[in-house]
Amino acid sequence: MPPRGPQHRPEIRAQILALYETGLTIRLIAAKLGIPRSTVDRRPRKLRLADAKFAALSLSRNRLATATQLRREYFPHVSAETVRRRLRELGIKNYARRRVPLLTKRHLKARRDWAQDHATWSARDWRRVVFSDESKFKIFGGDGPLRCWRRPGLALDPRYTRKTVKHGGGSIMVWGCITADGVGRLHRIDGRLTAVRYTQILENELLGTMREHSLFPRRTIFQHDNDPKHTAIHTRNWLTTHRLSVLPWPANSPDMNPIENVWDYLDRQLRMRPHLPRNSNELWEFLQEEWVCIPQAYIDKLYDSMVNRVEELIAVKGGNTRY
């Protein structure tokens, strides 16, 4: 049965309730807001469907970030859980915000052009590529998820706790690469990374990986991003000397590099370990242990995804993809 009488916006209803809670009478509230006394007296006791749709619209516009804020701003007559329940009924669930690169028009065009240039590449073509990247790992991370789903009584299970120490911190930087036949070498970077030091890593770790996997320069394509150390004249000369073909790379495109997924996988494996690294050396030890245990099936899945990554990048016209 439809509601009787004129319907007012959630803002008006929120104002009515806020004034009512200050102790004002119905007559004074009506006079202050310029609405009939009968409207004030019909103050809602439940969250209507129209209210829930307004809440969903507010969330989609990012005006308010949480159900608690929505409740405080517009629906003080109900609990925050009521707001959440109504939103879930509309198919809106609470998720952690996904971090994605900020893409300018120039980035979008470069990504779109790159995808078009590689639209005809097959899975076999992508298996020729050695993907590489640098990544930072924290000793006592504060970047892990703050929420989790678990059964009652497991609050102290290591899988569901967030590791902290009173006086701890720090991080290490690593370089790594992957091939279609498995992970390559992993290298710890100490101090500032320059173009000269970067080519030393390539000399030892990239060429070492290629030897171990029987990869020949004329059949191999090397990938790295557009970091200044990677595009420096010194680095370009080194790559030319070693006859290595380099895959052109669009800026701000970690979603096209499958080694980014490997870093995430490695981080999850570290967080699942029952023992917390006590210092950077132990963190490096743990990283090496987890690195060599990355399953070949996982690497295969990542390489097999490259065709779909490119197709999706074309479909979203250079925008962010789900990868």
C-alpha atoms as a PDB file:
ATOM      1  CA  MET A   1       0.000   0.000   0.000  1.00  0.00           C
ATOM      2  CA  PRO A   2       1.561   3.364  -1.018  1.00  0.00           C
ATOM      3  CA  PRO A   3       2.330   5.891   1.731  1.00  0.00           C
ATOM      4  CA  ARG A   4      -0.264   8.538   2.380  1.00  0.00           C
ATOM      5  CA  GLY A   5       0.309  12.246   2.153  1.00  0.00           C
ATOM      6  CA  PRO A   6       3.179  14.199   0.594  1.00  0.00           C
ATOM      7  CA  GLN A   7       6.612  12.597   0.604  1.00  0.00           C
ATOM      8  CA  HIS A   8       9.614  14.621   1.692  1.00  0.00           C
ATOM      9  CA  ARG A   9      13.273  14.212   0.907  1.00  0.00           C
ATOM     10  CA  PRO A  10      15.505  12.354   3.372  1.00  0.00           C
ATOM     11  CA  GLU A  11      17.199  15.668   4.210  1.00  0.00           C
ATOM     12  CA  ILE A  12      13.885  17.099   5.478  1.00  0.00           C
ATOM     13  CA  ARG A  13      13.114  13.984   7.488  1.00  0.00           C
ATOM     14  CA  ALA A  14      16.610  14.077   8.975  1.00  0.00           C
ATOM     15  CA  GLN A  15      16.131  17.715   9.983  1.00  0.00           C
ATOM     16  CA  ILE A  16      12.791  16.870  11.605  1.00  0.00           C
ATOM     17  CA  LEU A  17      14.362  14.128  13.686  1.00  0.00           C
ATOM     18  CA  ALA A  18      17.393  16.210  14.614  1.00  0.00           C
ATOM     19  CA  LEU A  19      15.208  19.059  15.847  1.00  0.00           C
ATOM     20  CA  TYR A  20      12.895  16.656  17.633  1.00  0.00           C
ATOM     21  CA  GLU A  21      15.843  15.189  19.533  1.00  0.00           C
ATOM     22  CA  THR A  22      16.822  18.678  20.735  1.00  0.00           C
ATOM     23  CA  GLY A  23      13.516  18.881  22.591  1.00  0.00           C
ATOM     24  CA  LEU A  24      11.604  21.196  20.271  1.00  0.00           C
ATOM     25  CA  THR A  25       7.864  20.687  20.056  1.00  0.00           C
ATOM     26  CA  ILE A  26       6.104  19.546  16.901  1.00  0.00           C
ATOM     27  CA  ARG A  27       4.658  23.044  16.457  1.00  0.00           C
ATOM     28  CA  LEU A  28       8.070  24.747  16.683  1.00  0.00           C
ATOM     29  CA  ILE A  29       9.675  22.219  14.331  1.00  0.00           C
ATOM     30  CA  ALA A  30       6.922  22.749  11.762  1.00  0.00           C
ATOM     31  CA  ALA A  31       7.299  26.511  12.021  1.00  0.00           C
ATOM     32  CA  LYS A  32      11.090  26.373  11.771  1.00  0.00           C
ATOM     33  CA  LEU A  33      11.048  24.181   8.658  1.00  0.00           C
ATOM     34  CA  GLY A  34       7.956  25.722   7.092  1.00  0.00           C
ATOM     35  CA  ILE A  35       6.061  22.429   6.820  1.00  0.00           C
ATOM     36  CA  PRO A  36       2.678  21.237   8.158  1.00  0.00           C
ATOM     37  CA  ARG A  37       2.513  19.934  11.739  1.00  0.00           C
ATOM     38  CA  SER A  38       1.032  16.701  10.397  1.00  0.00           C
ATOM     39  CA  THR A  39       4.232  16.093   8.441  1.00  0.00           C
ATOM     40  CA  VAL A  40       6.352  16.465  11.564  1.00  0.00           C
ATOM     41  CA  ASP A  41       4.111  14.116  13.494  1.00  0.00           C
ATOM     42  CA  ARG A  42       4.544  11.441  10.830  1.00  0.00           C
ATOM     43  CA  ARG A  43       8.257  11.100  11.526  1.00  0.00           C
ATOM     44  CA  PRO A  44       9.369   7.700  10.170  1.00  0.00           C
ATOM     45  CA  ARG A  45      10.227   4.757  12.362  1.00  0.00           C
ATOM     46  CA  LYS A  46      11.712   2.511   9.612  1.00  0.00           C
ATOM     47  CA  LEU A  47      13.907   2.951   6.577  1.00  0.00           C
ATOM     48  CA  ARG A  48      11.699   3.005   3.513  1.00  0.00           C
ATOM     49  CA  LEU A  49      12.709   1.689   0.102  1.00  0.00           C
ATOM     50  CA  ALA A  50      12.899   5.248  -1.226  1.00  0.00           C
ATOM     51  CA  ASP A  51      15.298   6.110   1.598  1.00  0.00           C
ATOM     52  CA  ALA A  52      17.481   3.117   0.782  1.00  0.00           C
ATOM     53  CA  LYS A  53      17.620   4.141  -2.874  1.00  0.00           C
ATOM     54  CA  PHE A  54      18.633   7.646  -1.820  1.00  0.00           C
ATOM     55  CA  ALA A  55      21.357   6.120   0.363  1.00  0.00           C
ATOM     56  CA  ALA A  56      22.585   4.041  -2.578  1.00  0.00           C
ATOM     57  CA  LEU A  57      22.696   7.152  -4.752  1.00  0.00           C
ATOM     58  CA  SER A  58      24.691   9.007  -2.099  1.00  0.00           C
ATOM     59  CA  LEU A  59      27.198   6.159  -1.944  1.00  0.00           C
ATOM     60  CA  SER A  60      27.529   5.993  -5.729  1.00  0.00           C
ATOM     61  CA  ARG A  61      28.337   9.701  -5.792  1.00  0.00           C
ATOM     62  CA  ASN A  62      30.843   9.175  -2.980  1.00  0.00           C
ATOM     63  CA  ARG A  63      29.131  11.849  -0.923  1.00  0.00           C
ATOM     64  CA  LEU A  64      29.249   9.651   2.160  1.00  0.00           C
ATOM     65  CA  ALA A  65      31.590   6.707   2.553  1.00  0.00           C
ATOM     66  CA  THR A  66      29.949   4.497   5.174  1.00  0.00           C
ATOM     67  CA  ALA A  67      26.559   3.333   6.398  1.00  0.00           C
ATOM     68  CA  THR A  68      27.314   4.947   9.755  1.00  0.00           C
ATOM     69  CA  GLN A  69      27.844   8.315   8.089  1.00  0.00           C
ATOM     70  CA  LEU A  70      24.661   7.893   6.068  1.00  0.00           C
ATOM     71  CA  ARG A  71      22.701   7.047   9.174  1.00  0.00           C
ATOM     72  CA  ARG A  72      24.132  10.004  11.092  1.00  0.00           C
ATOM     73  CA  GLU A  73      23.449  12.442   8.253  1.00  0.00           C
ATOM     74  CA  TYR A  74      20.024  11.356   7.033  1.00  0.00           C
ATOM     75  CA  PHE A  75      18.497   8.514   9.052  1.00  0.00           C
ATOM     76  CA  PRO A  76      19.155   8.980  12.788  1.00  0.00           C
ATOM     77  CA  HIS A  77      15.859   7.206  13.584  1.00  0.00           C
ATOM     78  CA  VAL A  78      17.316   3.821  12.563  1.00  0.00           C
ATOM     79  CA  SER A  79      20.526   1.959  13.318  1.00  0.00           C
ATOM     80  CA  ALA A  80      23.504   1.777  10.980  1.00  0.00           C
ATOM     81  CA  GLU A  81      22.853  -1.962  10.674  1.00  0.00           C
ATOM     82  CA  THR A  82      19.365  -1.205   9.352  1.00  0.00           C
ATOM     83  CA  VAL A  83      20.935   0.995   6.685  1.00  0.00           C
ATOM     84  CA  ARG A  84      23.387  -1.780   5.775  1.00  0.00           C
ATOM     85  CA  ARG A  85      20.612  -4.369   5.602  1.00  0.00           C
ATOM     86  CA  ARG A  86      18.527  -2.186   3.307  1.00  0.00           C
ATOM     87  CA  LEU A  87      21.523  -1.571   1.061  1.00  0.00           C
ATOM     88  CA  ARG A  88      22.232  -5.308   0.872  1.00  0.00           C
ATOM     89  CA  GLU A  89      18.620  -5.846  -0.192  1.00  0.00           C
ATOM     90  CA  LEU A  90      19.399  -3.559  -3.125  1.00  0.00           C
ATOM     91  CA  GLY A  91      22.448  -5.677  -3.975  1.00  0.00           C
ATOM     92  CA  ILE A  92      24.971  -3.201  -2.561  1.00  0.00           C
ATOM     93  CA  LYS A  93      27.668  -4.790  -0.390  1.00  0.00           C
ATOM     94  CA  ASN A  94      30.612  -3.411   1.522  1.00  0.00           C
ATOM     95  CA  TYR A  95      34.012  -3.949  -0.110  1.00  0.00           C
ATOM     96  CA  ALA A  96      37.467  -2.556   0.454  1.00  0.00           C
ATOM     97  CA  ARG A  97      38.304   0.150  -2.063  1.00  0.00           C
ATOM     98  CA  ARG A  98      40.454  -1.222  -4.836  1.00  0.00           C
ATOM     99  CA  ARG A  99      43.594   0.753  -5.575  1.00  0.00           C
ATOM    100  CA  VAL A 100      44.059   1.619  -9.252  1.00  0.00           C
ATOM    101  CA  PRO A 101      46.439   3.988 -11.050  1.00  0.00           C
ATOM    102  CA  LEU A 102      45.225   7.492 -11.824  1.00  0.00           C
ATOM    103  CA  LEU A 103      44.873   7.635 -15.604  1.00  0.00           C
ATOM    104  CA  THR A 104      44.995  10.872 -17.583  1.00  0.00           C
ATOM    105  CA  LYS A 105      43.731  11.245 -21.155  1.00  0.00           C
ATOM    106  CA  ARG A 106      47.305  10.753 -22.331  1.00  0.00           C
ATOM    107  CA  HIS A 107      47.576   7.524 -20.340  1.00  0.00           C
ATOM    108  CA  LEU A 108      44.254   6.271 -21.717  1.00  0.00           C
ATOM    109  CA  LYS A 109      45.340   6.880 -25.298  1.00  0.00           C
ATOM    110  CA  ALA A 110      48.746   5.260 -24.790  1.00  0.00           C
ATOM    111  CA  ARG A 111      47.172   2.199 -23.164  1.00  0.00           C
ATOM    112  CA  ARG A 112      44.539   1.920 -25.868  1.00  0.00           C
ATOM    113  CA  ASP A 113      47.140   2.234 -28.644  1.00  0.00           C
ATOM    114  CA  TRP A 114      49.362  -0.351 -26.961  1.00  0.00           C
ATOM    115  CA  ALA A 115      46.470  -2.789 -26.690  1.00  0.00           C
ATOM    116  CA  GLN A 116      45.595  -2.298 -30.354  1.00  0.00           C
ATOM    117  CA  ASP A 117      49.219  -2.937 -31.324  1.00  0.00           C
ATOM    118  CA  HIS A 118      49.182  -6.253 -29.432  1.00  0.00           C
ATOM    119  CA  ALA A 119      45.628  -7.330 -30.211  1.00  0.00           C
ATOM    120  CA  THR A 120      46.823 -10.065 -32.571  1.00  0.00           C
ATOM    121  CA  TRP A 121      49.341 -11.568 -30.163  1.00  0.00           C
ATOM    122  CA  SER A 122      48.603 -15.163 -29.267  1.00  0.00           C
ATOM    123  CA  ALA A 123      49.286 -16.927 -25.976  1.00  0.00           C
ATOM    124  CA  ARG A 124      52.389 -18.364 -27.632  1.00  0.00           C
ATOM    125  CA  ASP A 125      53.648 -14.860 -28.431  1.00  0.00           C
ATOM    126  CA  TRP A 126      53.234 -13.766 -24.825  1.00  0.00           C
ATOM    127  CA  ARG A 127      55.159 -16.796 -23.585  1.00  0.00           C
ATOM    128  CA  ARG A 128      58.276 -15.310 -25.180  1.00  0.00           C
ATOM    129  CA  VAL A 129      58.164 -12.361 -22.763  1.00  0.00           C
ATOM    130  CA  VAL A 130      60.201 -12.167 -19.558  1.00  0.00           C
ATOM    131  CA  PHE A 131      58.265  -9.822 -17.253  1.00  0.00           C
ATOM    132  CA  SER A 132      60.163  -7.910 -14.566  1.00  0.00           C
ATOM    133  CA  ASP A 133      59.578  -5.336 -11.864  1.00  0.00           C
ATOM    134  CA  GLU A 134      60.760  -3.943  -8.540  1.00  0.00           C
ATOM    135  CA  SER A 135      58.628  -4.185  -5.417  1.00  0.00           C
ATOM    136  CA  LYS A 136      58.803  -3.146  -1.767  1.00  0.00           C
ATOM    137  CA  PHE A 137      57.912  -5.509   1.075  1.00  0.00           C
ATOM    138  CA  LYS A 138      57.341  -4.295   4.620  1.00  0.00           C
ATOM    139  CA  ILE A 139      58.647  -6.090   7.690  1.00  0.00           C
ATOM    140  CA  PHE A 140      55.648  -5.285   9.827  1.00  0.00           C
ATOM    141  CA  GLY A 141      53.012  -4.382   7.296  1.00  0.00           C
ATOM    142  CA  GLY A 142      50.156  -2.038   7.975  1.00  0.00           C
ATOM    143  CA  ASP A 143      48.788  -2.435   4.468  1.00  0.00           C
ATOM    144  CA  GLY A 144      46.927  -5.707   4.938  1.00  0.00           C
ATOM    145  CA  PRO A 145      43.134  -5.965   5.099  1.00  0.00           C
ATOM    146  CA  LEU A 146      41.592  -4.686   8.315  1.00  0.00           C
ATOM    147  CA  ARG A 147      38.556  -6.972   8.054  1.00  0.00           C
ATOM    148  CA  CYS A 148      38.213 -10.694   7.634  1.00  0.00           C
ATOM    149  CA  TRP A 149      35.568 -13.404   7.701  1.00  0.00           C
ATOM    150  CA  ARG A 150      36.098 -16.142  10.271  1.00  0.00           C
ATOM    151  CA  ARG A 151      34.291 -18.500  12.627  1.00  0.00           C
ATOM    152  CA  PRO A 152      33.719 -17.583  16.293  1.00  0.00           C
ATOM    153  CA  GLY A 153      36.543 -18.530  18.643  1.00  0.00           C
ATOM    154  CA  LEU A 154      39.324 -18.057  16.069  1.00  0.00           C
ATOM    155  CA  ALA A 155      40.213 -14.464  16.901  1.00  0.00           C
ATOM    156  CA  LEU A 156      43.812 -15.375  17.782  1.00  0.00           C
ATOM    157  CA  ASP A 157      44.361 -17.804  14.926  1.00  0.00           C
ATOM    158  CA  PRO A 158      47.476 -16.519  13.065  1.00  0.00           C
ATOM    159  CA  ARG A 159      45.537 -16.565   9.803  1.00  0.00           C
ATOM    160  CA  TYR A 160      43.101 -13.973  11.148  1.00  0.00           C
ATOM    161  CA  THR A 161      45.326 -11.654  13.152  1.00  0.00           C
ATOM    162  CA  ARG A 162      47.014  -8.460  12.025  1.00  0.00           C
ATOM    163  CA  LYS A 163      50.674  -8.625  13.030  1.00  0.00           C
ATOM    164  CA  THR A 164      52.103  -5.602  14.843  1.00  0.00           C
ATOM    165  CA  VAL A 165      55.020  -4.860  17.119  1.00  0.00           C
ATOM    166  CA  LYS A 166      55.586  -2.026  19.561  1.00  0.00           C
ATOM    167  CA  HIS A 167      58.775  -0.754  17.955  1.00  0.00           C
ATOM    168  CA  GLY A 168      59.170  -2.268  14.520  1.00  0.00           C
ATOM    169  CA  GLY A 169      59.111  -1.397  10.883  1.00  0.00           C
ATOM    170  CA  GLY A 170      61.215  -1.039   7.805  1.00  0.00           C
ATOM    171  CA  SER A 171      61.100  -2.594   4.385  1.00  0.00           C
ATOM    172  CA  ILE A 172      63.224  -4.091   1.655  1.00  0.00           C
ATOM    173  CA  MET A 173      63.138  -3.562  -2.089  1.00  0.00           C
ATOM    174  CA  VAL A 174      63.515  -6.471  -4.486  1.00  0.00           C
ATOM    175  CA  TRP A 175      63.821  -6.987  -8.220  1.00  0.00           C
ATOM    176  CA  GLY A 176      62.387 -10.108  -9.790  1.00  0.00           C
ATOM    177  CA  CYS A 177      61.351 -11.587 -13.099  1.00  0.00           C
ATOM    178  CA  ILE A 178      59.127 -14.381 -14.358  1.00  0.00           C
ATOM    179  CA  THR A 179      59.257 -16.532 -17.457  1.00  0.00           C
ATOM    180  CA  ALA A 180      56.646 -18.764 -19.016  1.00  0.00           C
ATOM    181  CA  ASP A 181      58.564 -21.727 -17.563  1.00  0.00           C
ATOM    182  CA  GLY A 182      58.461 -20.414 -13.988  1.00  0.00           C
ATOM    183  CA  VAL A 183      59.872 -17.737 -11.747  1.00  0.00           C
ATOM    184  CA  GLY A 184      63.263 -16.294 -12.549  1.00  0.00           C
ATOM    185  CA  ARG A 185      65.732 -14.886 -10.091  1.00  0.00           C
ATOM    186  CA  LEU A 186      64.894 -12.635  -7.154  1.00  0.00           C
ATOM    187  CA  HIS A 187      67.378  -9.940  -6.112  1.00  0.00           C
ATOM    188  CA  ARG A 188      67.485  -7.802  -2.992  1.00  0.00           C
ATOM    189  CA  ILE A 189      68.185  -4.126  -3.666  1.00  0.00           C
ATOM    190  CA  ASP A 190      70.205  -2.362  -0.980  1.00  0.00           C
ATOM    191  CA  GLY A 191      70.560   1.386  -1.154  1.00  0.00           C
ATOM    192  CA  ARG A 192      69.683   3.680  -4.032  1.00  0.00           C
ATOM    193  CA  LEU A 193      69.054   2.052  -7.389  1.00  0.00           C
ATOM    194  CA  THR A 194      70.753   3.853 -10.277  1.00  0.00           C
ATOM    195  CA  ALA A 195      70.876   2.971 -13.954  1.00  0.00           C
ATOM    196  CA  VAL A 196      74.375   1.530 -13.471  1.00  0.00           C
ATOM    197  CA  ARG A 197      73.269  -0.657 -10.574  1.00  0.00           C
ATOM    198  CA  TYR A 198      70.157  -1.643 -12.508  1.00  0.00           C
ATOM    199  CA  THR A 199      72.203  -2.948 -15.432  1.00  0.00           C
ATOM    200  CA  GLN A 200      74.356  -4.879 -12.964  1.00  0.00           C
ATOM    201  CA  ILE A 201      71.177  -6.601 -11.772  1.00  0.00           C
ATOM    202  CA  LEU A 202      70.236  -7.359 -15.371  1.00  0.00           C
ATOM    203  CA  GLU A 203      73.745  -8.678 -16.029  1.00  0.00           C
ATOM    204  CA  ASN A 204      73.625 -11.084 -13.112  1.00  0.00           C
ATOM    205  CA  GLU A 205      69.961 -11.898 -12.556  1.00  0.00           C
ATOM    206  CA  LEU A 206      68.239 -11.458 -15.921  1.00  0.00           C
ATOM    207  CA  LEU A 207      70.979 -13.144 -17.945  1.00  0.00           C
ATOM    208  CA  GLY A 208      71.281 -15.768 -15.210  1.00  0.00           C
ATOM    209  CA  THR A 209      67.549 -16.450 -15.463  1.00  0.00           C
ATOM    210  CA  MET A 210      67.791 -16.754 -19.242  1.00  0.00           C
ATOM    211  CA  ARG A 211      70.637 -19.257 -18.967  1.00  0.00           C
ATOM    212  CA  GLU A 212      68.791 -21.324 -16.369  1.00  0.00           C
ATOM    213  CA  HIS A 213      65.649 -21.448 -18.523  1.00  0.00           C
ATOM    214  CA  SER A 214      67.520 -21.881 -21.819  1.00  0.00           C
ATOM    215  CA  LEU A 215      66.163 -18.626 -23.228  1.00  0.00           C
ATOM    216  CA  PHE A 216      67.996 -17.169 -26.218  1.00  0.00           C
ATOM    217  CA  PRO A 217      68.087 -13.383 -26.800  1.00  0.00           C
ATOM    218  CA  ARG A 218      66.818 -13.606 -30.373  1.00  0.00           C
ATOM    219  CA  ARG A 219      63.697 -15.473 -29.180  1.00  0.00           C
ATOM    220  CA  THR A 220      63.136 -13.532 -25.971  1.00  0.00           C
ATOM    221  CA  ILE A 221      61.359 -10.232 -25.341  1.00  0.00           C
ATOM    222  CA  PHE A 222      62.232  -8.376 -22.160  1.00  0.00           C
ATOM    223  CA  GLN A 223      59.636  -6.282 -20.339  1.00  0.00           C
ATOM    224  CA  HIS A 224      60.186  -3.502 -17.849  1.00  0.00           C
ATOM    225  CA  ASP A 225      58.246  -0.301 -17.241  1.00  0.00           C
ATOM    226  CA  ASN A 226      59.206   3.285 -18.026  1.00  0.00           C
ATOM    227  CA  ASP A 227      61.026   4.064 -14.795  1.00  0.00           C
ATOM    228  CA  PRO A 228      63.849   6.552 -15.549  1.00  0.00           C
ATOM    229  CA  LYS A 229      66.463   3.943 -14.577  1.00  0.00           C
ATOM    230  CA  HIS A 230      64.984   1.596 -17.169  1.00  0.00           C
ATOM    231  CA  THR A 231      64.915   4.154 -19.970  1.00  0.00           C
ATOM    232  CA  ALA A 232      68.287   5.773 -19.229  1.00  0.00           C
ATOM    233  CA  ILE A 233      70.842   5.849 -22.063  1.00  0.00           C
ATOM    234  CA  HIS A 234      73.153   3.604 -20.044  1.00  0.00           C
ATOM    235  CA  THR A 235      70.418   0.970 -19.721  1.00  0.00           C
ATOM    236  CA  ARG A 236      69.388   1.216 -23.377  1.00  0.00           C
ATOM    237  CA  ASN A 237      73.001   0.750 -24.459  1.00  0.00           C
ATOM    238  CA  TRP A 238      73.323  -2.320 -22.237  1.00  0.00           C
ATOM    239  CA  LEU A 239      70.181  -3.860 -23.736  1.00  0.00           C
ATOM    240  CA  THR A 240      71.420  -3.149 -27.263  1.00  0.00           C
ATOM    241  CA  THR A 241      74.820  -4.672 -26.503  1.00  0.00           C
ATOM    242  CA  HIS A 242      73.143  -7.860 -25.309  1.00  0.00           C
ATOM    243  CA  ARG A 243      70.752  -7.897 -28.282  1.00  0.00           C
ATOM    244  CA  LEU A 244      67.669  -7.947 -26.101  1.00  0.00           C
ATOM    245  CA  SER A 245      64.363  -6.866 -27.595  1.00  0.00           C
ATOM    246  CA  VAL A 246      62.304  -4.730 -25.222  1.00  0.00           C
ATOM    247  CA  LEU A 247      58.525  -4.773 -25.102  1.00  0.00           C
ATOM    248  CA  PRO A 248      57.155  -1.217 -25.495  1.00  0.00           C
ATOM    249  CA  TRP A 249      55.240  -0.330 -22.357  1.00  0.00           C
ATOM    250  CA  PRO A 250      52.459   2.198 -21.678  1.00  0.00           C
ATOM    251  CA  ALA A 251      52.822   4.312 -18.536  1.00  0.00           C
ATOM    252  CA  ASN A 252      50.689   3.529 -15.478  1.00  0.00           C
ATOM    253  CA  SER A 253      49.871   0.001 -16.610  1.00  0.00           C
ATOM    254  CA  PRO A 254      50.623  -2.430 -13.766  1.00  0.00           C
ATOM    255  CA  ASP A 255      47.419  -4.298 -14.650  1.00  0.00           C
ATOM    256  CA  MET A 256      49.069  -5.471 -17.862  1.00  0.00           C
ATOM    257  CA  ASN A 257      52.120  -6.860 -16.059  1.00  0.00           C
ATOM    258  CA  PRO A 258      51.453 -10.321 -14.568  1.00  0.00           C
ATOM    259  CA  ILE A 259      54.386 -10.022 -12.170  1.00  0.00           C
ATOM    260  CA  GLU A 260      52.235  -7.551 -10.213  1.00  0.00           C
ATOM    261  CA  ASN A 261      49.971 -10.508  -9.444  1.00  0.00           C
ATOM    262  CA  VAL A 262      53.029 -12.473  -8.365  1.00  0.00           C
ATOM    263  CA  TRP A 263      53.965  -9.729  -5.887  1.00  0.00           C
ATOM    264  CA  ASP A 264      50.452  -9.857  -4.429  1.00  0.00           C
ATOM    265  CA  TYR A 265      50.628 -13.639  -4.209  1.00  0.00           C
ATOM    266  CA  LEU A 266      53.996 -13.437  -2.475  1.00  0.00           C
ATOM    267  CA  ASP A 267      52.700 -10.884   0.016  1.00  0.00           C
ATOM    268  CA  ARG A 268      49.715 -13.095   0.873  1.00  0.00           C
ATOM    269  CA  GLN A 269      51.986 -16.081   1.426  1.00  0.00           C
ATOM    270  CA  LEU A 270      54.179 -14.044   3.765  1.00  0.00           C
ATOM    271  CA  ARG A 271      51.184 -12.910   5.807  1.00  0.00           C
ATOM    272  CA  MET A 272      50.016 -16.504   6.206  1.00  0.00           C
ATOM    273  CA  ARG A 273      53.265 -17.609   7.818  1.00  0.00           C
ATOM    274  CA  PRO A 274      52.901 -18.224  11.566  1.00  0.00           C
ATOM    275  CA  HIS A 275      56.251 -16.598  12.329  1.00  0.00           C
ATOM    276  CA  LEU A 276      56.675 -12.850  11.928  1.00  0.00           C
ATOM    277  CA  PRO A 277      59.992 -11.682  10.410  1.00  0.00           C
ATOM    278  CA  ARG A 278      62.020  -9.956  13.102  1.00  0.00           C
ATOM    279  CA  ASN A 279      64.297  -7.971  10.818  1.00  0.00           C
ATOM    280  CA  SER A 280      65.004  -7.233   7.176  1.00  0.00           C
ATOM    281  CA  ASN A 281      67.366 -10.189   6.796  1.00  0.00           C
ATOM    282  CA  GLU A 282      64.711 -12.609   7.998  1.00  0.00           C
ATOM    283  CA  LEU A 283      62.153 -10.985   5.710  1.00  0.00           C
ATOM    284  CA  TRP A 284      64.531 -11.525   2.784  1.00  0.00           C
ATOM    285  CA  GLU A 285      64.968 -15.152   3.828  1.00  0.00           C
ATOM    286  CA  PHE A 286      61.196 -15.661   3.930  1.00  0.00           C
ATOM    287  CA  LEU A 287      60.736 -13.968   0.555  1.00  0.00           C
ATOM    288  CA  GLN A 288      63.253 -16.290  -1.081  1.00  0.00           C
ATOM    289  CA  GLU A 289      61.586 -19.346   0.449  1.00  0.00           C
ATOM    290  CA  GLU A 290      58.146 -18.324  -0.787  1.00  0.00           C
ATOM    291  CA  TRP A 291      59.443 -17.219  -4.197  1.00  0.00           C
ATOM    292  CA  VAL A 292      60.798 -20.617  -5.181  1.00  0.00           C
ATOM    293  CA  CYS A 293      57.545 -22.258  -4.028  1.00  0.00           C
ATOM    294  CA  ILE A 294      55.319 -20.304  -6.426  1.00  0.00           C
ATOM    295  CA  PRO A 295      53.508 -23.023  -8.417  1.00  0.00           C
ATOM    296  CA  GLN A 296      54.131 -23.380 -12.134  1.00  0.00           C
ATOM    297  CA  ALA A 297      50.358 -23.719 -12.586  1.00  0.00           C
ATOM    298  CA  TYR A 298      49.950 -20.199 -11.199  1.00  0.00           C
ATOM    299  CA  ILE A 299      52.542 -18.812 -13.623  1.00  0.00           C
ATOM    300  CA  ASP A 300      50.815 -20.628 -16.505  1.00  0.00           C
ATOM    301  CA  LYS A 301      47.514 -19.046 -15.520  1.00  0.00           C
ATOM    302  CA  LEU A 302      49.057 -15.579 -15.541  1.00  0.00           C
ATOM    303  CA  TYR A 303      50.629 -15.995 -18.974  1.00  0.00           C
ATOM    304  CA  ASP A 304      47.408 -17.465 -20.338  1.00  0.00           C
ATOM    305  CA  SER A 305      45.576 -14.348 -19.114  1.00  0.00           C
ATOM    306  CA  MET A 306      47.549 -11.957 -21.317  1.00  0.00           C
ATOM    307  CA  VAL A 307      45.290 -12.294 -24.358  1.00  0.00           C
ATOM    308  CA  ASN A 308      42.258 -11.540 -22.201  1.00  0.00           C
ATOM    309  CA  ARG A 309      44.026  -8.608 -20.531  1.00  0.00           C
ATOM    310  CA  VAL A 310      44.635  -6.976 -23.888  1.00  0.00           C
ATOM    311  CA  GLU A 311      41.073  -7.648 -25.044  1.00  0.00           C
ATOM    312  CA  GLU A 312      39.666  -6.107 -21.877  1.00  0.00           C
ATOM    313  CA  LEU A 313      41.948  -3.084 -22.182  1.00  0.00           C
ATOM    314  CA  ILE A 314      40.572  -2.491 -25.671  1.00  0.00           C
ATOM    315  CA  ALA A 315      37.002  -2.949 -24.411  1.00  0.00           C
ATOM    316  CA  VAL A 316      37.437  -0.323 -21.665  1.00  0.00           C
ATOM    317  CA  LYS A 317      39.190   2.039 -24.108  1.00  0.00           C
ATOM    318  CA  GLY A 318      42.401   2.173 -22.132  1.00  0.00           C
ATOM    319  CA  GLY A 319      40.734   2.471 -18.722  1.00  0.00           C
ATOM    320  CA  ASN A 320      41.379   0.429 -15.604  1.00  0.00           C
ATOM    321  CA  THR A 321      40.852  -3.315 -15.936  1.00  0.00           C
ATOM    322  CA  ARG A 322      40.051  -5.949 -13.331  1.00  0.00           C
ATOM    323  CA  TYR A 323      43.574  -7.392 -13.466  1.00  0.00           C
END
